């Protein structure tokens, strides 16, 4: 029996679904790399800092001023000044004096100061923001212990007031790229499986049709072989079929005897 050929070409809808799945897979992989470099790595480094008990030792405000960049519109930028605030605390983990910083971002932005205020255009506003934190640590937190975060390996002389990233950032950095990746893979697999099932069903239908045609041909051949040659002779010996009147033309003209004699 000849081999049955079935078309494996995808329809337009199936082609679009496969493209959508591949696009989601590419987006998941790309977002995983981007979020991994931008958010995941700093979050993991930030989570390595251990909580500790800190008490304020001294609050200083040196005369040195630092610059910050403010924005006042799409094309409007400038620089202003803010005073430096230094808060030294005693760390219970290392039992040593360390400089307190608001979070990891401000530590990277200005490692010499404990607090970097939101940059305003007016220098006096920046100064007022720094003085508020100075009064808070001098009057309210000076005699109390509070929780700080300390990393002995990276920065043994610095502690953090709070973490800039927590476990929720880690969860979002991994969750949404994996959801996109799994969803795209699922769409591609379902489309391919549906197409393979359709191809198998089409092949079975063609095999069934070809089997029925071959069976009809075999029945016809057996009927022809069962008819004997005597049957055809019997049909030819029928008097009605072999009578001369059957062989005469429809408009035959009789010939007279007189014409025959002449």
C-alpha atoms as a PDB file:
ATOM      1  CA  UNK A   1       0.000   0.000   0.000  1.00  0.00           C
ATOM      2  CA  UNK A   2       1.310   3.435  -0.871  1.00  0.00           C
ATOM      3  CA  UNK A   3       2.319   5.786   1.935  1.00  0.00           C
ATOM      4  CA  UNK A   4      -0.245   8.408   2.924  1.00  0.00           C
ATOM      5  CA  UNK A   5       1.139  11.915   2.912  1.00  0.00           C
ATOM      6  CA  UNK A   6      -0.305  14.443   5.364  1.00  0.00           C
ATOM      7  CA  UNK A   7       0.373  18.182   5.370  1.00  0.00           C
ATOM      8  CA  UNK A   8       2.212  19.466   8.450  1.00  0.00           C
ATOM      9  CA  UNK A   9       1.849  23.170   7.601  1.00  0.00           C
ATOM     10  CA  UNK A  10       0.438  25.387  10.344  1.00  0.00           C
ATOM     11  CA  UNK A  11      -2.611  27.542   9.809  1.00  0.00           C
ATOM     12  CA  UNK A  12      -2.542  31.308  10.239  1.00  0.00           C
ATOM     13  CA  UNK A  13      -4.047  31.170  13.738  1.00  0.00           C
ATOM     14  CA  UNK A  14      -1.585  28.490  14.836  1.00  0.00           C
ATOM     15  CA  UNK A  15       1.307  30.488  13.404  1.00  0.00           C
ATOM     16  CA  UNK A  16       0.205  33.573  15.358  1.00  0.00           C
ATOM     17  CA  UNK A  17      -0.116  31.606  18.598  1.00  0.00           C
ATOM     18  CA  UNK A  18       3.380  30.154  18.171  1.00  0.00           C
ATOM     19  CA  UNK A  19       4.786  33.630  17.522  1.00  0.00           C
ATOM     20  CA  UNK A  20       3.038  34.907  20.643  1.00  0.00           C
ATOM     21  CA  UNK A  21       4.497  32.084  22.709  1.00  0.00           C
ATOM     22  CA  UNK A  22       8.016  32.693  21.393  1.00  0.00           C
ATOM     23  CA  UNK A  23       7.622  36.425  22.090  1.00  0.00           C
ATOM     24  CA  UNK A  24       6.609  35.725  25.698  1.00  0.00           C
ATOM     25  CA  UNK A  25       9.564  33.359  26.115  1.00  0.00           C
ATOM     26  CA  UNK A  26      11.970  36.008  24.775  1.00  0.00           C
ATOM     27  CA  UNK A  27      10.445  38.685  27.032  1.00  0.00           C
ATOM     28  CA  UNK A  28      10.748  36.421  30.072  1.00  0.00           C
ATOM     29  CA  UNK A  29      14.418  35.650  29.427  1.00  0.00           C
ATOM     30  CA  UNK A  30      15.260  39.297  28.659  1.00  0.00           C
ATOM     31  CA  UNK A  31      13.423  40.650  31.703  1.00  0.00           C
ATOM     32  CA  UNK A  32      15.103  38.037  33.897  1.00  0.00           C
ATOM     33  CA  UNK A  33      18.534  39.256  32.783  1.00  0.00           C
ATOM     34  CA  UNK A  34      17.618  42.953  33.117  1.00  0.00           C
ATOM     35  CA  UNK A  35      15.984  42.630  36.534  1.00  0.00           C
ATOM     36  CA  UNK A  36      18.779  40.337  37.656  1.00  0.00           C
ATOM     37  CA  UNK A  37      21.467  42.916  36.914  1.00  0.00           C
ATOM     38  CA  UNK A  38      19.489  46.000  37.998  1.00  0.00           C
ATOM     39  CA  UNK A  39      17.550  44.770  41.042  1.00  0.00           C
ATOM     40  CA  UNK A  40      18.383  41.199  41.948  1.00  0.00           C
ATOM     41  CA  UNK A  41      22.108  41.653  42.549  1.00  0.00           C
ATOM     42  CA  UNK A  42      21.755  44.779  44.775  1.00  0.00           C
ATOM     43  CA  UNK A  43      18.919  43.113  46.660  1.00  0.00           C
ATOM     44  CA  UNK A  44      20.985  40.024  47.380  1.00  0.00           C
ATOM     45  CA  UNK A  45      23.886  42.170  48.560  1.00  0.00           C
ATOM     46  CA  UNK A  46      21.534  44.206  50.714  1.00  0.00           C
ATOM     47  CA  UNK A  47      19.990  41.107  52.268  1.00  0.00           C
ATOM     48  CA  UNK A  48      23.446  39.969  53.374  1.00  0.00           C
ATOM     49  CA  UNK A  49      23.492  42.719  56.021  1.00  0.00           C
ATOM     50  CA  UNK A  50      22.557  41.408  59.470  1.00  0.00           C
ATOM     51  CA  UNK A  51      20.288  43.223  61.918  1.00  0.00           C
ATOM     52  CA  UNK A  52      21.976  44.589  65.034  1.00  0.00           C
ATOM     53  CA  UNK A  53      21.240  46.903  67.962  1.00  0.00           C
ATOM     54  CA  UNK A  54      22.654  50.414  67.657  1.00  0.00           C
ATOM     55  CA  UNK A  55      22.814  53.338  70.069  1.00  0.00           C
ATOM     56  CA  UNK A  56      23.684  56.918  69.176  1.00  0.00           C
ATOM     57  CA  UNK A  57      27.155  58.007  70.307  1.00  0.00           C
ATOM     58  CA  UNK A  58      27.383  61.475  68.755  1.00  0.00           C
ATOM     59  CA  UNK A  59      25.653  63.688  66.198  1.00  0.00           C
ATOM     60  CA  UNK A  60      27.914  66.058  64.274  1.00  0.00           C
ATOM     61  CA  UNK A  61      27.315  68.638  61.587  1.00  0.00           C
ATOM     62  CA  UNK A  62      30.613  69.681  59.987  1.00  0.00           C
ATOM     63  CA  UNK A  63      30.944  72.896  58.039  1.00  0.00           C
ATOM     64  CA  UNK A  64      31.482  71.088  54.733  1.00  0.00           C
ATOM     65  CA  UNK A  65      28.697  71.511  52.181  1.00  0.00           C
ATOM     66  CA  UNK A  66      27.830  69.096  49.397  1.00  0.00           C
ATOM     67  CA  UNK A  67      26.177  69.638  46.037  1.00  0.00           C
ATOM     68  CA  UNK A  68      23.026  67.953  44.788  1.00  0.00           C
ATOM     69  CA  UNK A  69      21.225  68.158  41.444  1.00  0.00           C
ATOM     70  CA  UNK A  70      17.600  69.329  41.326  1.00  0.00           C
ATOM     71  CA  UNK A  71      15.155  69.317  38.432  1.00  0.00           C
ATOM     72  CA  UNK A  72      12.501  71.942  37.800  1.00  0.00           C
ATOM     73  CA  UNK A  73      11.124  70.717  34.475  1.00  0.00           C
ATOM     74  CA  UNK A  74      11.907  68.768  31.353  1.00  0.00           C
ATOM     75  CA  UNK A  75      14.882  70.933  30.366  1.00  0.00           C
ATOM     76  CA  UNK A  76      15.508  72.621  33.699  1.00  0.00           C
ATOM     77  CA  UNK A  77      18.304  71.328  35.942  1.00  0.00           C
ATOM     78  CA  UNK A  78      20.591  72.913  38.477  1.00  0.00           C
ATOM     79  CA  UNK A  79      22.716  72.369  41.548  1.00  0.00           C
ATOM     80  CA  UNK A  80      22.160  73.387  45.137  1.00  0.00           C
ATOM     81  CA  UNK A  81      23.935  72.837  48.475  1.00  0.00           C
ATOM     82  CA  UNK A  82      23.058  70.918  51.615  1.00  0.00           C
ATOM     83  CA  UNK A  83      24.955  70.527  54.926  1.00  0.00           C
ATOM     84  CA  UNK A  84      26.469  67.217  55.944  1.00  0.00           C
ATOM     85  CA  UNK A  85      25.031  65.367  58.932  1.00  0.00           C
ATOM     86  CA  UNK A  86      27.112  62.659  60.605  1.00  0.00           C
ATOM     87  CA  UNK A  87      25.547  60.266  63.107  1.00  0.00           C
ATOM     88  CA  UNK A  88      27.932  57.881  64.857  1.00  0.00           C
ATOM     89  CA  UNK A  89      26.457  54.838  66.576  1.00  0.00           C
ATOM     90  CA  UNK A  90      27.705  51.902  68.570  1.00  0.00           C
ATOM     91  CA  UNK A  91      27.137  48.592  66.791  1.00  0.00           C
ATOM     92  CA  UNK A  92      26.355  45.615  69.035  1.00  0.00           C
ATOM     93  CA  UNK A  93      27.602  43.106  66.447  1.00  0.00           C
ATOM     94  CA  UNK A  94      31.137  44.453  66.220  1.00  0.00           C
ATOM     95  CA  UNK A  95      31.049  46.503  69.443  1.00  0.00           C
ATOM     96  CA  UNK A  96      32.596  49.420  67.587  1.00  0.00           C
ATOM     97  CA  UNK A  97      31.616  52.894  66.459  1.00  0.00           C
ATOM     98  CA  UNK A  98      30.254  53.168  62.909  1.00  0.00           C
ATOM     99  CA  UNK A  99      28.719  55.871  60.742  1.00  0.00           C
ATOM    100  CA  UNK A 100      24.962  55.550  60.305  1.00  0.00           C
ATOM    101  CA  UNK A 101      23.409  55.936  56.831  1.00  0.00           C
ATOM    102  CA  UNK A 102      19.764  56.206  55.893  1.00  0.00           C
ATOM    103  CA  UNK A 103      19.841  53.333  53.352  1.00  0.00           C
ATOM    104  CA  UNK A 104      22.069  51.627  50.775  1.00  0.00           C
ATOM    105  CA  UNK A 105      21.352  54.180  48.040  1.00  0.00           C
ATOM    106  CA  UNK A 106      22.390  57.141  50.175  1.00  0.00           C
ATOM    107  CA  UNK A 107      25.480  55.254  51.283  1.00  0.00           C
ATOM    108  CA  UNK A 108      26.549  54.928  47.650  1.00  0.00           C
ATOM    109  CA  UNK A 109      25.492  58.514  46.867  1.00  0.00           C
ATOM    110  CA  UNK A 110      27.450  60.127  49.708  1.00  0.00           C
ATOM    111  CA  UNK A 111      29.472  57.811  51.985  1.00  0.00           C
ATOM    112  CA  UNK A 112      30.635  60.736  54.166  1.00  0.00           C
ATOM    113  CA  UNK A 113      27.199  61.834  55.388  1.00  0.00           C
ATOM    114  CA  UNK A 114      24.415  60.027  57.221  1.00  0.00           C
ATOM    115  CA  UNK A 115      21.528  61.700  55.429  1.00  0.00           C
ATOM    116  CA  UNK A 116      21.091  63.163  51.931  1.00  0.00           C
ATOM    117  CA  UNK A 117      17.929  65.295  51.757  1.00  0.00           C
ATOM    118  CA  UNK A 118      15.680  65.510  48.678  1.00  0.00           C
ATOM    119  CA  UNK A 119      17.378  68.102  46.539  1.00  0.00           C
ATOM    120  CA  UNK A 120      15.515  71.416  46.472  1.00  0.00           C
ATOM    121  CA  UNK A 121      16.304  74.531  44.504  1.00  0.00           C
ATOM    122  CA  UNK A 122      16.513  76.614  47.663  1.00  0.00           C
ATOM    123  CA  UNK A 123      19.538  75.864  49.853  1.00  0.00           C
ATOM    124  CA  UNK A 124      17.610  76.839  52.981  1.00  0.00           C
ATOM    125  CA  UNK A 125      15.041  74.087  52.394  1.00  0.00           C
ATOM    126  CA  UNK A 126      17.831  71.551  52.138  1.00  0.00           C
ATOM    127  CA  UNK A 127      19.298  72.861  55.370  1.00  0.00           C
ATOM    128  CA  UNK A 128      15.952  72.653  57.162  1.00  0.00           C
ATOM    129  CA  UNK A 129      15.509  69.019  56.125  1.00  0.00           C
ATOM    130  CA  UNK A 130      18.906  68.110  57.526  1.00  0.00           C
ATOM    131  CA  UNK A 131      18.185  69.974  60.789  1.00  0.00           C
ATOM    132  CA  UNK A 132      14.979  67.970  61.253  1.00  0.00           C
ATOM    133  CA  UNK A 133      16.937  64.714  61.207  1.00  0.00           C
ATOM    134  CA  UNK A 134      19.551  66.185  63.509  1.00  0.00           C
ATOM    135  CA  UNK A 135      16.879  67.132  66.083  1.00  0.00           C
ATOM    136  CA  UNK A 136      15.227  63.719  65.754  1.00  0.00           C
ATOM    137  CA  UNK A 137      18.395  61.756  66.532  1.00  0.00           C
ATOM    138  CA  UNK A 138      19.601  64.224  69.150  1.00  0.00           C
ATOM    139  CA  UNK A 139      16.396  64.484  71.200  1.00  0.00           C
ATOM    140  CA  UNK A 140      14.347  61.336  70.540  1.00  0.00           C
ATOM    141  CA  UNK A 141      16.736  58.542  69.573  1.00  0.00           C
ATOM    142  CA  UNK A 142      19.830  59.537  71.520  1.00  0.00           C
ATOM    143  CA  UNK A 143      18.995  57.521  74.633  1.00  0.00           C
ATOM    144  CA  UNK A 144      17.290  54.577  72.917  1.00  0.00           C
ATOM    145  CA  UNK A 145      18.603  51.564  71.066  1.00  0.00           C
ATOM    146  CA  UNK A 146      17.221  50.868  67.617  1.00  0.00           C
ATOM    147  CA  UNK A 147      17.624  48.211  64.947  1.00  0.00           C
ATOM    148  CA  UNK A 148      20.274  48.833  62.318  1.00  0.00           C
ATOM    149  CA  UNK A 149      21.772  46.665  59.596  1.00  0.00           C
ATOM    150  CA  UNK A 150      25.427  45.794  59.503  1.00  0.00           C
ATOM    151  CA  UNK A 151      27.635  44.049  56.918  1.00  0.00           C
ATOM    152  CA  UNK A 152      31.006  43.101  58.322  1.00  0.00           C
ATOM    153  CA  UNK A 153      32.508  41.968  54.996  1.00  0.00           C
ATOM    154  CA  UNK A 154      31.508  44.820  52.698  1.00  0.00           C
ATOM    155  CA  UNK A 155      31.453  47.915  54.941  1.00  0.00           C
ATOM    156  CA  UNK A 156      32.605  47.299  58.500  1.00  0.00           C
ATOM    157  CA  UNK A 157      32.651  51.053  59.321  1.00  0.00           C
ATOM    158  CA  UNK A 158      29.080  51.777  58.158  1.00  0.00           C
ATOM    159  CA  UNK A 159      25.600  50.709  59.269  1.00  0.00           C
ATOM    160  CA  UNK A 160      22.183  51.265  57.679  1.00  0.00           C
ATOM    161  CA  UNK A 161      19.085  52.792  59.215  1.00  0.00           C
ATOM    162  CA  UNK A 162      16.863  50.745  56.910  1.00  0.00           C
ATOM    163  CA  UNK A 163      17.183  48.449  53.908  1.00  0.00           C
ATOM    164  CA  UNK A 164      16.435  49.883  50.484  1.00  0.00           C
ATOM    165  CA  UNK A 165      15.355  46.449  49.173  1.00  0.00           C
ATOM    166  CA  UNK A 166      13.577  43.573  50.874  1.00  0.00           C
ATOM    167  CA  UNK A 167      12.448  40.063  49.980  1.00  0.00           C
ATOM    168  CA  UNK A 168       9.427  41.348  48.032  1.00  0.00           C
ATOM    169  CA  UNK A 169      11.776  42.848  45.431  1.00  0.00           C
ATOM    170  CA  UNK A 170      13.490  39.479  45.144  1.00  0.00           C
ATOM    171  CA  UNK A 171      10.130  37.788  44.672  1.00  0.00           C
ATOM    172  CA  UNK A 172       9.015  40.166  41.910  1.00  0.00           C
ATOM    173  CA  UNK A 173      12.363  39.938  40.110  1.00  0.00           C
ATOM    174  CA  UNK A 174      11.999  36.171  39.804  1.00  0.00           C
ATOM    175  CA  UNK A 175       8.216  35.700  39.669  1.00  0.00           C
ATOM    176  CA  UNK A 176       7.142  37.791  36.675  1.00  0.00           C
ATOM    177  CA  UNK A 177       9.902  36.689  34.257  1.00  0.00           C
ATOM    178  CA  UNK A 178       9.188  33.059  35.163  1.00  0.00           C
ATOM    179  CA  UNK A 179       5.444  33.567  34.627  1.00  0.00           C
ATOM    180  CA  UNK A 180       6.090  35.025  31.167  1.00  0.00           C
ATOM    181  CA  UNK A 181       8.521  32.214  30.342  1.00  0.00           C
ATOM    182  CA  UNK A 182       6.172  29.438  31.466  1.00  0.00           C
ATOM    183  CA  UNK A 183       3.142  30.992  29.758  1.00  0.00           C
ATOM    184  CA  UNK A 184       4.972  31.277  26.428  1.00  0.00           C
ATOM    185  CA  UNK A 185       6.234  27.699  26.696  1.00  0.00           C
ATOM    186  CA  UNK A 186       2.724  26.470  27.478  1.00  0.00           C
ATOM    187  CA  UNK A 187       1.236  28.271  24.456  1.00  0.00           C
ATOM    188  CA  UNK A 188       3.852  26.800  22.095  1.00  0.00           C
ATOM    189  CA  UNK A 189       3.461  23.271  23.474  1.00  0.00           C
ATOM    190  CA  UNK A 190      -0.335  23.360  23.302  1.00  0.00           C
ATOM    191  CA  UNK A 191      -0.258  24.637  19.716  1.00  0.00           C
ATOM    192  CA  UNK A 192       2.212  21.966  18.598  1.00  0.00           C
ATOM    193  CA  UNK A 193       0.285  19.194  20.369  1.00  0.00           C
ATOM    194  CA  UNK A 194      -3.014  20.332  18.845  1.00  0.00           C
ATOM    195  CA  UNK A 195      -1.460  20.373  15.386  1.00  0.00           C
ATOM    196  CA  UNK A 196       0.058  16.895  15.801  1.00  0.00           C
ATOM    197  CA  UNK A 197      -3.309  15.516  16.945  1.00  0.00           C
ATOM    198  CA  UNK A 198      -5.007  17.087  13.923  1.00  0.00           C
ATOM    199  CA  UNK A 199      -2.390  15.542  11.610  1.00  0.00           C
ATOM    200  CA  UNK A 200      -2.903  12.114  13.153  1.00  0.00           C
ATOM    201  CA  UNK A 201      -6.666  12.403  12.830  1.00  0.00           C
ATOM    202  CA  UNK A 202      -6.302  13.393   9.183  1.00  0.00           C
ATOM    203  CA  UNK A 203      -3.982  10.445   8.524  1.00  0.00           C
ATOM    204  CA  UNK A 204      -6.422   8.026  10.146  1.00  0.00           C
ATOM    205  CA  UNK A 205      -9.291   9.443   8.081  1.00  0.00           C
ATOM    206  CA  UNK A 206      -7.320   9.022   4.859  1.00  0.00           C
ATOM    207  CA  UNK A 207      -6.383   5.466   5.772  1.00  0.00           C
ATOM    208  CA  UNK A 208     -10.014   4.656   6.467  1.00  0.00           C
ATOM    209  CA  UNK A 209     -11.145   6.111   3.137  1.00  0.00           C
ATOM    210  CA  UNK A 210      -8.431   4.263   1.210  1.00  0.00           C
ATOM    211  CA  UNK A 211      -9.377   0.980   2.937  1.00  0.00           C
ATOM    212  CA  UNK A 212     -13.051   1.421   1.975  1.00  0.00           C
ATOM    213  CA  UNK A 213     -12.134   2.144  -1.667  1.00  0.00           C
ATOM    214  CA  UNK A 214      -9.926  -0.954  -1.876  1.00  0.00           C
ATOM    215  CA  UNK A 215     -12.675  -3.066  -0.367  1.00  0.00           C
ATOM    216  CA  UNK A 216     -15.217  -1.836  -2.951  1.00  0.00           C
ATOM    217  CA  UNK A 217     -12.773  -2.612  -5.773  1.00  0.00           C
ATOM    218  CA  UNK A 218     -12.201  -6.131  -4.498  1.00  0.00           C
ATOM    219  CA  UNK A 219     -15.951  -6.787  -4.330  1.00  0.00           C
ATOM    220  CA  UNK A 220     -16.437  -5.566  -7.923  1.00  0.00           C
ATOM    221  CA  UNK A 221     -13.568  -7.731  -9.171  1.00  0.00           C
ATOM    222  CA  UNK A 222     -14.950 -10.830  -7.500  1.00  0.00           C
ATOM    223  CA  UNK A 223     -18.385 -10.225  -9.053  1.00  0.00           C
ATOM    224  CA  UNK A 224     -16.887  -9.962 -12.539  1.00  0.00           C
ATOM    225  CA  UNK A 225     -14.910 -13.161 -12.066  1.00  0.00           C
ATOM    226  CA  UNK A 226     -18.006 -15.105 -10.923  1.00  0.00           C
ATOM    227  CA  UNK A 227     -19.851 -14.468 -14.256  1.00  0.00           C
ATOM    228  CA  UNK A 228     -19.256 -17.466 -16.735  1.00  0.00           C
ATOM    229  CA  UNK A 229     -18.942 -17.252 -20.563  1.00  0.00           C
ATOM    230  CA  UNK A 230     -22.076 -19.422 -20.994  1.00  0.00           C
ATOM    231  CA  UNK A 231     -24.154 -16.699 -19.499  1.00  0.00           C
ATOM    232  CA  UNK A 232     -23.138 -14.356 -22.271  1.00  0.00           C
ATOM    233  CA  UNK A 233     -23.977 -17.077 -24.882  1.00  0.00           C
ATOM    234  CA  UNK A 234     -27.348 -17.633 -23.291  1.00  0.00           C
ATOM    235  CA  UNK A 235     -28.042 -13.972 -23.585  1.00  0.00           C
ATOM    236  CA  UNK A 236     -27.121 -14.087 -27.310  1.00  0.00           C
ATOM    237  CA  UNK A 237     -29.349 -17.185 -27.958  1.00  0.00           C
ATOM    238  CA  UNK A 238     -32.459 -15.363 -26.856  1.00  0.00           C
ATOM    239  CA  UNK A 239     -35.017 -15.630 -29.777  1.00  0.00           C
ATOM    240  CA  UNK A 240     -36.113 -12.096 -29.302  1.00  0.00           C
ATOM    241  CA  UNK A 241     -32.585 -10.849 -29.538  1.00  0.00           C
ATOM    242  CA  UNK A 242     -31.641 -13.156 -32.503  1.00  0.00           C
ATOM    243  CA  UNK A 243     -34.792 -12.655 -34.635  1.00  0.00           C
ATOM    244  CA  UNK A 244     -34.261 -11.157 -38.108  1.00  0.00           C
ATOM    245  CA  UNK A 245     -36.760  -8.445 -37.473  1.00  0.00           C
ATOM    246  CA  UNK A 246     -34.417  -7.068 -34.922  1.00  0.00           C
ATOM    247  CA  UNK A 247     -31.695  -6.722 -37.518  1.00  0.00           C
ATOM    248  CA  UNK A 248     -33.812  -4.948 -40.163  1.00  0.00           C
ATOM    249  CA  UNK A 249     -33.651  -1.254 -40.457  1.00  0.00           C
ATOM    250  CA  UNK A 250     -36.518   0.752 -39.142  1.00  0.00           C
ATOM    251  CA  UNK A 251     -37.693   1.925 -42.615  1.00  0.00           C
ATOM    252  CA  UNK A 252     -36.976  -1.201 -44.714  1.00  0.00           C
ATOM    253  CA  UNK A 253     -38.769  -1.294 -48.095  1.00  0.00           C
ATOM    254  CA  UNK A 254     -40.076  -4.731 -49.265  1.00  0.00           C
ATOM    255  CA  UNK A 255     -38.874  -5.930 -52.686  1.00  0.00           C
ATOM    256  CA  UNK A 256     -41.473  -7.244 -55.165  1.00  0.00           C
ATOM    257  CA  UNK A 257     -41.163 -10.694 -56.823  1.00  0.00           C
ATOM    258  CA  UNK A 258     -41.602  -9.188 -60.279  1.00  0.00           C
ATOM    259  CA  UNK A 259     -38.501  -7.072 -59.790  1.00  0.00           C
ATOM    260  CA  UNK A 260     -36.602 -10.085 -58.762  1.00  0.00           C
ATOM    261  CA  UNK A 261     -37.514 -12.013 -61.989  1.00  0.00           C
ATOM    262  CA  UNK A 262     -36.317  -9.240 -64.150  1.00  0.00           C
END
